[in-house]
Amino acid sequence: MTKQNSPPRRHPIALVLAAWLLASFSAAAAWASVATTSPPLKPITINLQDKAALRNGALYTLHMCTACHSLQGTRYSSLPAMLGMSEARFKEIIGTNGHHYHDVITSSMPPSVIDAFVKILPMDLTYIARRHSPAWLYTYLTSFYVDPSRPSGVNNVVFNNVAMPDVFAPLQGLQKPVMTEGLRYGSPAKVAIGVEPLTKGSMTQAQFDRTARDIVTFLYAVAHSHEQERWRLGPWIIGLFVLLSVLTYLIYRLYWRRVITSEERWWKVGK
């Protein structure tokens, strides 16, 4: 009877290593296929305690941005406390765009207009502000540039092929891109890394930059509405845990000081 040789066993470590290498090469290839040159973000510092900045940002956001976008992270009735205003003053200066005072902030664009011209409902600003950093938002607002190839006639440095028109052009003026050689989804292409002024707007550059910063401050405050409260309560909560830890340790020492161990008990019985 002929003895058949069994096939050689593959070592499990070798199989794991081969699978890991295959996954690594696949991930590297996938990354290379979508690699895109990222433009530098403009630095920005926001202060959530600056009520003037919050009020100015709310004014522009509610009268310009909510023409298309919603802001469902808050209600109109929640804003006066955030902005340091009374209800009457808020209604007088900023208003509710025809909505009820206790309504969630929604887009002012009628559904029929959305279906006819936009087709897709613009993204909620609360989600955008939670997803992106203040530096990204600030760079986005200040980096629209003229691009005749786009349906809206403009493009954006940090959001290539953006569908949003440049609603801030009357304030900021038109801009032209600063291009460089880079990657676009893994292929060589010219990539915008900045903008230069092309025409003047109704604001100076410093005024518009401050307005954009105020809008970012307001959006960040709405998207992270409890951050100020967390900063205020955080030190007290940490102090409470430290105090409880000290008390727990003292109780532990007091308890075990009164406990007789087995060795001590047998020692006393033997004596």
Protein backbone atom coordinates (compact mmCIF):
# COMPACT_ATOMS: atom_id res chain seq x y z
CA MET A 1 0.00 0.00 0.00
CA THR A 2 1.52 3.26 -1.09
CA LYS A 3 1.78 5.96 1.56
CA GLN A 4 0.71 9.35 0.28
CA ASN A 5 2.63 12.35 1.46
CA SER A 6 0.43 15.00 3.10
CA PRO A 7 0.73 18.53 1.70
CA PRO A 8 3.10 20.78 3.64
CA ARG A 9 1.41 22.86 6.32
CA ARG A 10 1.61 26.61 5.96
CA HIS A 11 2.71 28.38 9.07
CA PRO A 12 -0.10 30.62 10.45
CA ILE A 13 2.32 33.48 11.11
CA ALA A 14 3.36 33.46 7.45
CA LEU A 15 -0.29 33.56 6.38
CA VAL A 16 -1.00 36.49 8.70
CA LEU A 17 2.08 38.35 7.46
CA ALA A 18 1.11 37.77 3.82
CA ALA A 19 -2.42 39.02 4.48
CA TRP A 20 -1.07 42.10 6.27
CA LEU A 21 1.30 42.92 3.40
CA LEU A 22 -1.50 42.49 0.87
CA ALA A 23 -3.79 44.78 2.86
CA SER A 24 -1.01 47.36 3.21
CA PHE A 25 -0.28 47.42 -0.52
CA SER A 26 -4.02 47.63 -1.30
CA ALA A 27 -4.46 50.54 1.10
CA ALA A 28 -1.43 52.33 -0.35
CA ALA A 29 -2.75 51.88 -3.88
CA ALA A 30 -6.20 53.12 -2.86
CA TRP A 31 -4.68 56.16 -1.15
CA ALA A 32 -2.55 56.96 -4.17
CA SER A 33 -5.63 56.88 -6.39
CA VAL A 34 -7.41 59.55 -4.30
CA ALA A 35 -4.42 61.60 -3.10
CA THR A 36 -5.04 65.31 -3.55
CA THR A 37 -2.80 68.24 -2.77
CA SER A 38 -4.26 70.02 0.25
CA PRO A 39 -4.00 73.82 0.30
CA PRO A 40 -2.78 75.52 3.49
CA LEU A 41 -5.50 76.68 5.86
CA LYS A 42 -5.59 80.26 7.09
CA PRO A 43 -4.98 80.52 10.85
CA ILE A 44 -7.83 81.89 12.92
CA THR A 45 -8.49 82.48 16.61
CA ILE A 46 -12.09 82.68 17.79
CA ASN A 47 -13.40 83.85 21.14
CA LEU A 48 -16.77 82.47 22.18
CA GLN A 49 -16.99 85.14 24.89
CA ASP A 50 -16.87 87.95 22.32
CA LYS A 51 -20.55 88.92 22.19
CA ALA A 52 -19.97 91.57 19.52
CA ALA A 53 -18.42 88.97 17.20
CA LEU A 54 -21.26 86.53 17.90
CA ARG A 55 -23.89 89.17 17.18
CA ASN A 56 -22.22 90.25 13.95
CA GLY A 57 -21.81 86.62 12.87
CA ALA A 58 -25.45 85.89 13.67
CA LEU A 59 -26.60 88.89 11.67
CA TYR A 60 -24.79 87.80 8.49
CA THR A 61 -25.58 84.10 8.95
CA LEU A 62 -29.30 84.56 9.50
CA HIS A 63 -29.72 87.15 6.76
CA MET A 64 -27.45 85.61 4.11
CA CYS A 65 -26.58 81.98 4.78
CA THR A 66 -30.04 80.80 5.83
CA ALA A 67 -31.45 81.96 2.51
CA CYS A 68 -30.36 78.48 1.35
CA HIS A 69 -28.95 76.63 4.37
CA SER A 70 -30.68 75.54 7.55
CA LEU A 71 -29.18 75.80 11.03
CA GLN A 72 -31.12 73.17 12.90
CA GLY A 73 -28.66 72.92 15.78
CA THR A 74 -30.51 75.74 17.54
CA ARG A 75 -33.73 77.70 17.74
CA TYR A 76 -34.27 81.41 17.40
CA SER A 77 -35.31 81.51 21.05
CA SER A 78 -31.92 80.11 22.12
CA LEU A 79 -29.90 82.85 20.45
CA PRO A 80 -30.56 85.93 22.64
CA ALA A 81 -28.85 84.33 25.66
CA MET A 82 -25.89 83.28 23.51
CA LEU A 83 -25.60 86.73 21.94
CA GLY A 84 -26.10 88.67 25.16
CA MET A 85 -29.32 90.31 23.95
CA SER A 86 -32.86 90.60 25.22
CA GLU A 87 -35.66 88.93 23.27
CA ALA A 88 -37.07 92.30 22.18
CA ARG A 89 -33.66 93.54 21.04
CA PHE A 90 -33.01 90.31 19.15
CA LYS A 91 -36.31 90.55 17.28
CA GLU A 92 -35.65 94.21 16.48
CA ILE A 93 -32.07 93.92 15.15
CA ILE A 94 -31.74 90.35 13.85
CA GLY A 95 -35.26 88.97 13.63
CA THR A 96 -36.57 85.53 12.74
CA ASN A 97 -36.98 85.84 8.94
CA GLY A 98 -40.74 85.42 9.22
CA HIS A 99 -40.51 82.26 11.35
CA HIS A 100 -41.93 81.80 14.81
CA TYR A 101 -39.63 82.77 17.68
CA HIS A 102 -39.42 79.21 19.05
CA ASP A 103 -38.88 77.55 15.66
CA VAL A 104 -35.76 75.67 14.65
CA ILE A 105 -33.76 77.74 12.16
CA THR A 106 -34.52 76.40 8.71
CA SER A 107 -33.84 77.56 5.17
CA SER A 108 -35.89 80.47 3.86
CA MET A 109 -35.87 78.98 0.36
CA PRO A 110 -39.29 77.59 -0.66
CA PRO A 111 -39.35 73.89 -1.65
CA SER A 112 -40.53 74.84 -5.14
CA VAL A 113 -37.43 76.98 -5.68
CA ILE A 114 -35.20 74.17 -4.39
CA ASP A 115 -36.78 71.71 -6.84
CA ALA A 116 -36.53 74.13 -9.77
CA PHE A 117 -33.03 75.53 -9.33
CA VAL A 118 -31.02 73.71 -6.65
CA LYS A 119 -32.33 70.12 -6.93
CA ILE A 120 -30.41 69.09 -3.80
CA LEU A 121 -31.14 70.60 -0.39
CA PRO A 122 -28.04 72.54 0.81
CA MET A 123 -26.29 70.95 3.78
CA ASP A 124 -27.18 72.07 7.29
CA LEU A 125 -24.68 74.57 8.69
CA THR A 126 -24.63 72.88 12.09
CA TYR A 127 -23.32 69.67 10.52
CA ILE A 128 -20.74 71.60 8.48
CA ALA A 129 -19.45 73.44 11.55
CA ARG A 130 -19.17 70.19 13.52
CA ARG A 131 -17.40 68.37 10.70
CA HIS A 132 -14.79 71.02 9.90
CA SER A 133 -12.36 73.05 11.97
CA PRO A 134 -12.68 76.84 12.38
CA ALA A 135 -9.57 77.25 10.19
CA TRP A 136 -11.22 75.28 7.37
CA LEU A 137 -14.46 77.26 7.63
CA TYR A 138 -12.58 80.56 7.64
CA THR A 139 -10.45 79.56 4.64
CA TYR A 140 -13.56 78.39 2.80
CA LEU A 141 -15.45 81.64 3.34
CA THR A 142 -12.52 83.79 2.20
CA SER A 143 -11.21 81.67 -0.70
CA PHE A 144 -13.76 81.78 -3.52
CA TYR A 145 -12.20 82.56 -6.89
CA VAL A 146 -13.37 83.13 -10.46
CA ASP A 147 -13.62 79.92 -12.50
CA PRO A 148 -15.51 80.25 -15.83
CA SER A 149 -15.62 76.46 -16.19
CA ARG A 150 -18.02 76.13 -13.24
CA PRO A 151 -21.81 76.60 -13.59
CA SER A 152 -21.79 79.25 -10.84
CA GLY A 153 -18.69 80.94 -12.30
CA VAL A 154 -16.64 80.40 -9.15
CA ASN A 155 -14.65 77.71 -7.38
CA ASN A 156 -13.09 77.37 -3.94
CA VAL A 157 -9.57 76.65 -2.74
CA VAL A 158 -10.52 74.11 -0.05
CA PHE A 159 -13.63 72.74 -1.79
CA ASN A 160 -12.87 71.99 -5.40
CA ASN A 161 -15.86 72.10 -7.78
CA VAL A 162 -18.03 73.69 -5.11
CA ALA A 163 -21.68 74.17 -6.12
CA MET A 164 -22.27 77.19 -3.89
CA PRO A 165 -22.13 80.59 -5.61
CA ASP A 166 -19.93 83.32 -4.16
CA VAL A 167 -22.57 85.19 -2.17
CA PHE A 168 -19.84 87.27 -0.52
CA ALA A 169 -18.53 88.72 -3.80
CA PRO A 170 -20.36 92.07 -3.29
CA LEU A 171 -18.63 92.40 0.09
CA GLN A 172 -15.20 90.93 -0.65
CA GLY A 173 -14.89 91.48 -4.38
CA LEU A 174 -13.80 88.91 -6.95
CA GLN A 175 -10.57 86.93 -6.59
CA LYS A 176 -8.28 84.95 -8.86
CA PRO A 177 -6.56 81.71 -7.88
CA VAL A 178 -2.91 81.07 -7.10
CA MET A 179 -2.20 77.78 -8.89
CA THR A 180 0.57 75.22 -8.46
CA GLU A 181 1.38 71.75 -9.77
CA GLY A 182 -0.08 69.08 -7.55
CA LEU A 183 -2.29 66.01 -7.42
CA ARG A 184 -6.02 65.74 -7.98
CA TYR A 185 -7.33 62.26 -7.08
CA GLY A 186 -3.95 60.74 -7.78
CA SER A 187 -3.38 62.46 -11.15
CA PRO A 188 -1.10 65.46 -11.82
CA ALA A 189 -3.10 68.67 -12.10
CA LYS A 190 -2.98 72.36 -11.36
CA VAL A 191 -4.29 72.96 -7.84
CA ALA A 192 -5.35 76.25 -6.25
CA ILE A 193 -3.46 76.95 -3.03
CA GLY A 194 -4.55 80.53 -2.47
CA VAL A 195 -6.27 83.58 -3.91
CA GLU A 196 -5.38 87.11 -4.95
CA PRO A 197 -7.77 90.08 -5.21
CA LEU A 198 -9.19 90.81 -8.64
CA THR A 199 -11.81 93.48 -7.94
CA LYS A 200 -12.80 95.46 -4.87
CA GLY A 201 -15.92 94.89 -2.82
CA SER A 202 -17.88 97.13 -0.48
CA MET A 203 -15.59 96.09 2.41
CA THR A 204 -11.86 96.35 2.81
CA GLN A 205 -9.91 93.13 3.09
CA ALA A 206 -9.53 93.57 6.85
CA GLN A 207 -13.25 94.27 7.29
CA PHE A 208 -14.29 91.21 5.32
CA ASP A 209 -11.77 88.98 7.11
CA ARG A 210 -13.22 90.14 10.42
CA THR A 211 -16.76 89.48 9.16
CA ALA A 212 -15.77 85.96 8.04
CA ARG A 213 -14.18 85.34 11.44
CA ASP A 214 -17.37 86.49 13.18
CA ILE A 215 -19.47 84.13 11.04
CA VAL A 216 -17.16 81.24 11.93
CA THR A 217 -17.36 82.20 15.61
CA PHE A 218 -21.16 82.15 15.53
CA LEU A 219 -21.35 78.85 13.61
CA TYR A 220 -18.87 77.20 15.99
CA ALA A 221 -20.82 78.47 19.01
CA VAL A 222 -24.07 77.02 17.62
CA ALA A 223 -22.48 73.70 16.63
CA HIS A 224 -20.76 73.36 20.03
CA SER A 225 -23.42 75.01 22.15
CA HIS A 226 -22.36 73.34 25.41
CA GLU A 227 -18.62 73.93 25.09
CA GLN A 228 -18.60 77.06 27.25
CA GLU A 229 -20.58 75.25 29.94
CA ARG A 230 -18.14 72.32 29.80
CA TRP A 231 -15.19 74.67 30.26
CA ARG A 232 -16.96 76.32 33.21
CA LEU A 233 -17.95 73.06 34.95
CA GLY A 234 -14.87 71.02 34.02
CA PRO A 235 -12.51 72.28 36.78
CA TRP A 236 -15.21 71.78 39.42
CA ILE A 237 -15.90 68.22 38.27
CA ILE A 238 -12.18 67.37 38.27
CA GLY A 239 -11.81 68.92 41.73
CA LEU A 240 -14.74 66.82 42.98
CA PHE A 241 -13.11 63.61 41.70
CA VAL A 242 -9.82 64.57 43.35
CA LEU A 243 -11.59 65.20 46.66
CA LEU A 244 -13.46 61.88 46.41
CA SER A 245 -10.18 60.09 45.66
CA VAL A 246 -8.55 61.56 48.79
CA LEU A 247 -11.55 60.67 50.97
CA THR A 248 -11.67 57.15 49.52
CA TYR A 249 -7.97 56.63 50.30
CA LEU A 250 -8.39 57.86 53.88
CA ILE A 251 -11.36 55.53 54.42
CA TYR A 252 -9.30 52.67 52.95
CA ARG A 253 -6.44 53.33 55.40
CA LEU A 254 -8.85 53.63 58.32
CA TYR A 255 -10.66 50.39 57.45
CA TRP A 256 -7.59 48.21 56.96
CA ARG A 257 -5.95 49.59 60.09
CA ARG A 258 -8.76 48.00 62.11
CA VAL A 259 -8.79 44.67 60.28
CA ILE A 260 -6.91 41.83 61.96
CA THR A 261 -5.06 39.68 59.45
CA SER A 262 -4.94 35.87 59.66
CA GLU A 263 -1.34 35.91 60.82
CA GLU A 264 -2.12 38.29 63.66
CA ARG A 265 -5.16 36.21 64.64
CA TRP A 266 -3.25 32.94 64.82
CA TRP A 267 -0.42 34.64 66.61
CA LYS A 268 -2.79 35.85 69.31
CA VAL A 269 -4.44 32.42 69.67
CA GLY A 270 -1.10 30.69 69.96
CA LYS A 271 0.00 33.11 72.62
